[in-house]
Amino acid sequence: MSGRTTGSPGTDERMVTLLKDYYRGRRMTIIGSVASLVALFKLTLLLVMGFPEKLLPLAALVSGLLLFGLFALIWGMTKWNNSSSEIKALGYSPRRAKVLPPAPLELRLQAERSKSAAAALATDPIAAPLNVTEHTTHFLNESDQTPTRKPQLKEPH
């Protein structure tokens, strides 16, 4: 009623900006690395081929990609490093994963029994069929196992 919130304080805008810069810098470092590597690979191939005249526009395009990649790599590394340093200076650390409580004894015993039963089946050649269709005739009924005869038609002589 007084206009004050009783919940947790609002998000710190500086921390939000730092985290955005951190992840943006990391992403640009990766993009710059990949673009630079691809451009260097393509330029090396063009160099091995002797820079044919018909591929000069491609060489110019790949050179542009190399310049973009180097710019993105340097810019990204700078942003990533600066924001990481500021985040550490503010004492912020990512939340650690919660340690799960151990499973109840009954569940652990059941899991161990099922593992040992599966291991026994895997090593027993009689218990484990070699393929899917083995031993499927045991599921047939007696009436299904007798062959049916087709009525023979009498041919005129």
Protein backbone atom coordinates (compact mmCIF):
# COMPACT_ATOMS: atom_id res chain seq x y z
CA MET A 1 0.00 0.00 0.00
CA SER A 2 2.91 2.35 0.69
CA GLY A 3 4.29 1.92 -2.85
CA ARG A 4 7.33 -0.08 -1.80
CA THR A 5 7.96 -3.60 -2.92
CA THR A 6 8.65 -6.18 -0.26
CA GLY A 7 10.02 -8.79 -2.64
CA SER A 8 13.56 -9.17 -3.93
CA PRO A 9 15.25 -6.03 -5.25
CA GLY A 10 15.05 -5.29 -8.97
CA THR A 11 17.69 -6.50 -11.37
CA ASP A 12 20.90 -4.55 -11.39
CA GLU A 13 21.05 -2.83 -14.79
CA ARG A 14 24.84 -2.71 -14.73
CA MET A 15 25.05 -6.47 -14.21
CA VAL A 16 22.55 -7.07 -17.02
CA THR A 17 24.66 -4.93 -19.36
CA LEU A 18 27.84 -6.73 -18.32
CA LEU A 19 26.29 -10.15 -18.88
CA LYS A 20 25.00 -9.10 -22.30
CA ASP A 21 28.47 -7.83 -23.23
CA TYR A 22 30.03 -11.03 -21.91
CA TYR A 23 27.87 -13.32 -24.03
CA ARG A 24 27.94 -11.00 -27.06
CA GLY A 25 31.74 -10.86 -26.87
CA ARG A 26 31.98 -14.63 -26.60
CA ARG A 27 29.68 -15.10 -29.57
CA MET A 28 31.59 -12.57 -31.70
CA THR A 29 34.90 -14.24 -30.78
CA ILE A 30 33.57 -17.56 -32.05
CA ILE A 31 32.12 -16.00 -35.22
CA GLY A 32 35.35 -14.09 -35.89
CA SER A 33 37.46 -17.21 -35.37
CA VAL A 34 35.38 -19.29 -37.75
CA ALA A 35 35.20 -16.55 -40.40
CA SER A 36 38.95 -15.95 -40.23
CA LEU A 37 39.76 -19.64 -40.50
CA VAL A 38 37.43 -20.14 -43.46
CA ALA A 39 38.84 -17.07 -45.23
CA LEU A 40 42.44 -18.16 -44.62
CA PHE A 41 41.65 -21.63 -45.96
CA LYS A 42 40.04 -20.20 -49.10
CA LEU A 43 42.91 -17.73 -49.66
CA THR A 44 45.41 -20.56 -49.27
CA LEU A 45 43.56 -22.56 -51.90
CA LEU A 46 43.57 -19.58 -54.25
CA LEU A 47 47.30 -19.09 -53.62
CA VAL A 48 48.00 -22.74 -54.43
CA MET A 49 45.99 -22.38 -57.66
CA GLY A 50 48.10 -19.34 -58.61
CA PHE A 51 45.30 -16.71 -58.35
CA PRO A 52 43.61 -17.36 -61.71
CA GLU A 53 42.27 -14.15 -63.28
CA LYS A 54 38.70 -15.41 -63.37
CA LEU A 55 38.77 -15.93 -59.57
CA LEU A 56 39.94 -12.41 -58.65
CA PRO A 57 36.41 -11.32 -57.57
CA LEU A 58 36.28 -14.37 -55.31
CA ALA A 59 39.69 -13.46 -53.87
CA ALA A 60 38.42 -9.93 -53.11
CA LEU A 61 35.32 -11.36 -51.42
CA VAL A 62 37.36 -13.79 -49.35
CA SER A 63 39.74 -10.98 -48.36
CA GLY A 64 36.74 -9.00 -47.14
CA LEU A 65 35.61 -12.02 -45.13
CA LEU A 66 39.09 -12.24 -43.60
CA LEU A 67 38.99 -8.56 -42.60
CA PHE A 68 35.50 -8.98 -41.09
CA GLY A 69 36.62 -12.12 -39.23
CA LEU A 70 39.69 -10.43 -37.77
CA PHE A 71 37.66 -7.37 -36.73
CA ALA A 72 34.99 -9.55 -35.09
CA LEU A 73 37.64 -11.67 -33.39
CA ILE A 74 39.49 -8.70 -31.91
CA TRP A 75 36.30 -6.84 -30.93
CA GLY A 76 34.76 -9.97 -29.40
CA MET A 77 37.85 -10.87 -27.41
CA THR A 78 38.08 -7.32 -26.06
CA LYS A 79 34.41 -7.20 -25.01
CA TRP A 80 34.54 -10.69 -23.54
CA ASN A 81 37.70 -10.00 -21.54
CA ASN A 82 36.58 -6.59 -20.24
CA SER A 83 33.13 -7.73 -19.19
CA SER A 84 34.53 -10.88 -17.60
CA SER A 85 36.96 -8.81 -15.55
CA GLU A 86 34.23 -6.43 -14.38
CA ILE A 87 31.90 -9.29 -13.48
CA LYS A 88 34.64 -10.89 -11.38
CA ALA A 89 35.47 -7.54 -9.75
CA LEU A 90 31.83 -7.15 -8.68
CA GLY A 91 31.99 -10.56 -7.01
CA TYR A 92 29.36 -12.18 -9.21
CA SER A 93 29.71 -15.87 -9.88
CA PRO A 94 27.33 -18.08 -11.81
CA ARG A 95 25.04 -20.28 -9.77
CA ARG A 96 26.45 -23.67 -9.16
CA ALA A 97 24.43 -26.76 -9.90
CA LYS A 98 22.60 -28.13 -6.91
CA VAL A 99 23.81 -31.45 -5.61
CA LEU A 100 21.01 -34.00 -5.77
CA PRO A 101 20.34 -36.05 -2.66
CA PRO A 102 21.34 -39.71 -2.91
CA ALA A 103 18.73 -42.13 -4.18
CA PRO A 104 16.87 -44.22 -1.59
CA LEU A 105 18.38 -47.60 -0.79
CA GLU A 106 15.47 -49.52 -2.35
CA LEU A 107 15.95 -47.82 -5.71
CA ARG A 108 19.69 -48.42 -5.70
CA LEU A 109 19.18 -52.13 -4.90
CA GLN A 110 16.61 -52.47 -7.69
CA ALA A 111 18.97 -50.80 -10.15
CA GLU A 112 21.84 -53.11 -9.15
CA ARG A 113 19.60 -56.20 -9.50
CA SER A 114 18.41 -55.15 -12.94
CA LYS A 115 22.01 -54.48 -14.06
CA SER A 116 23.17 -57.89 -12.87
CA ALA A 117 20.18 -59.61 -14.51
CA ALA A 118 20.86 -57.81 -17.79
CA ALA A 119 24.53 -58.82 -17.63
CA ALA A 120 23.57 -62.46 -17.03
CA LEU A 121 21.19 -62.42 -20.01
CA ALA A 122 23.81 -60.82 -22.23
CA THR A 123 26.37 -63.56 -21.50
CA ASP A 124 24.01 -66.56 -21.54
CA PRO A 125 23.64 -67.79 -25.15
CA ILE A 126 20.53 -69.83 -24.35
CA ALA A 127 18.67 -67.06 -22.55
CA ALA A 128 19.44 -64.36 -25.09
CA PRO A 129 18.19 -65.03 -28.62
CA LEU A 130 20.63 -64.20 -31.38
CA ASN A 131 18.09 -62.38 -33.48
CA VAL A 132 14.55 -61.10 -33.26
CA THR A 133 12.84 -64.03 -34.96
CA GLU A 134 14.40 -66.82 -32.90
CA HIS A 135 12.04 -68.76 -30.64
CA THR A 136 8.98 -67.01 -32.04
CA THR A 137 7.32 -70.32 -32.93
CA HIS A 138 6.74 -70.95 -29.23
CA PHE A 139 4.08 -68.26 -29.32
CA LEU A 140 2.01 -69.95 -32.06
CA ASN A 141 -1.09 -71.95 -31.25
CA GLU A 142 -1.44 -75.57 -32.26
CA SER A 143 -4.06 -74.68 -34.80
CA ASP A 144 -1.79 -72.07 -36.36
CA GLN A 145 1.06 -74.54 -36.87
CA THR A 146 -0.80 -76.93 -39.14
CA PRO A 147 -0.46 -76.09 -42.78
CA THR A 148 -3.66 -75.38 -44.60
CA ARG A 149 -4.38 -77.10 -47.87
CA LYS A 150 -5.80 -75.28 -50.78
CA PRO A 151 -8.64 -77.07 -52.51
CA GLN A 152 -7.47 -78.60 -55.74
CA LEU A 153 -9.42 -77.83 -58.82
CA LYS A 154 -10.09 -80.68 -61.14
CA GLU A 155 -8.82 -80.05 -64.59
CA PRO A 156 -10.82 -81.42 -67.48
CA HIS A 157 -9.07 -84.33 -69.22
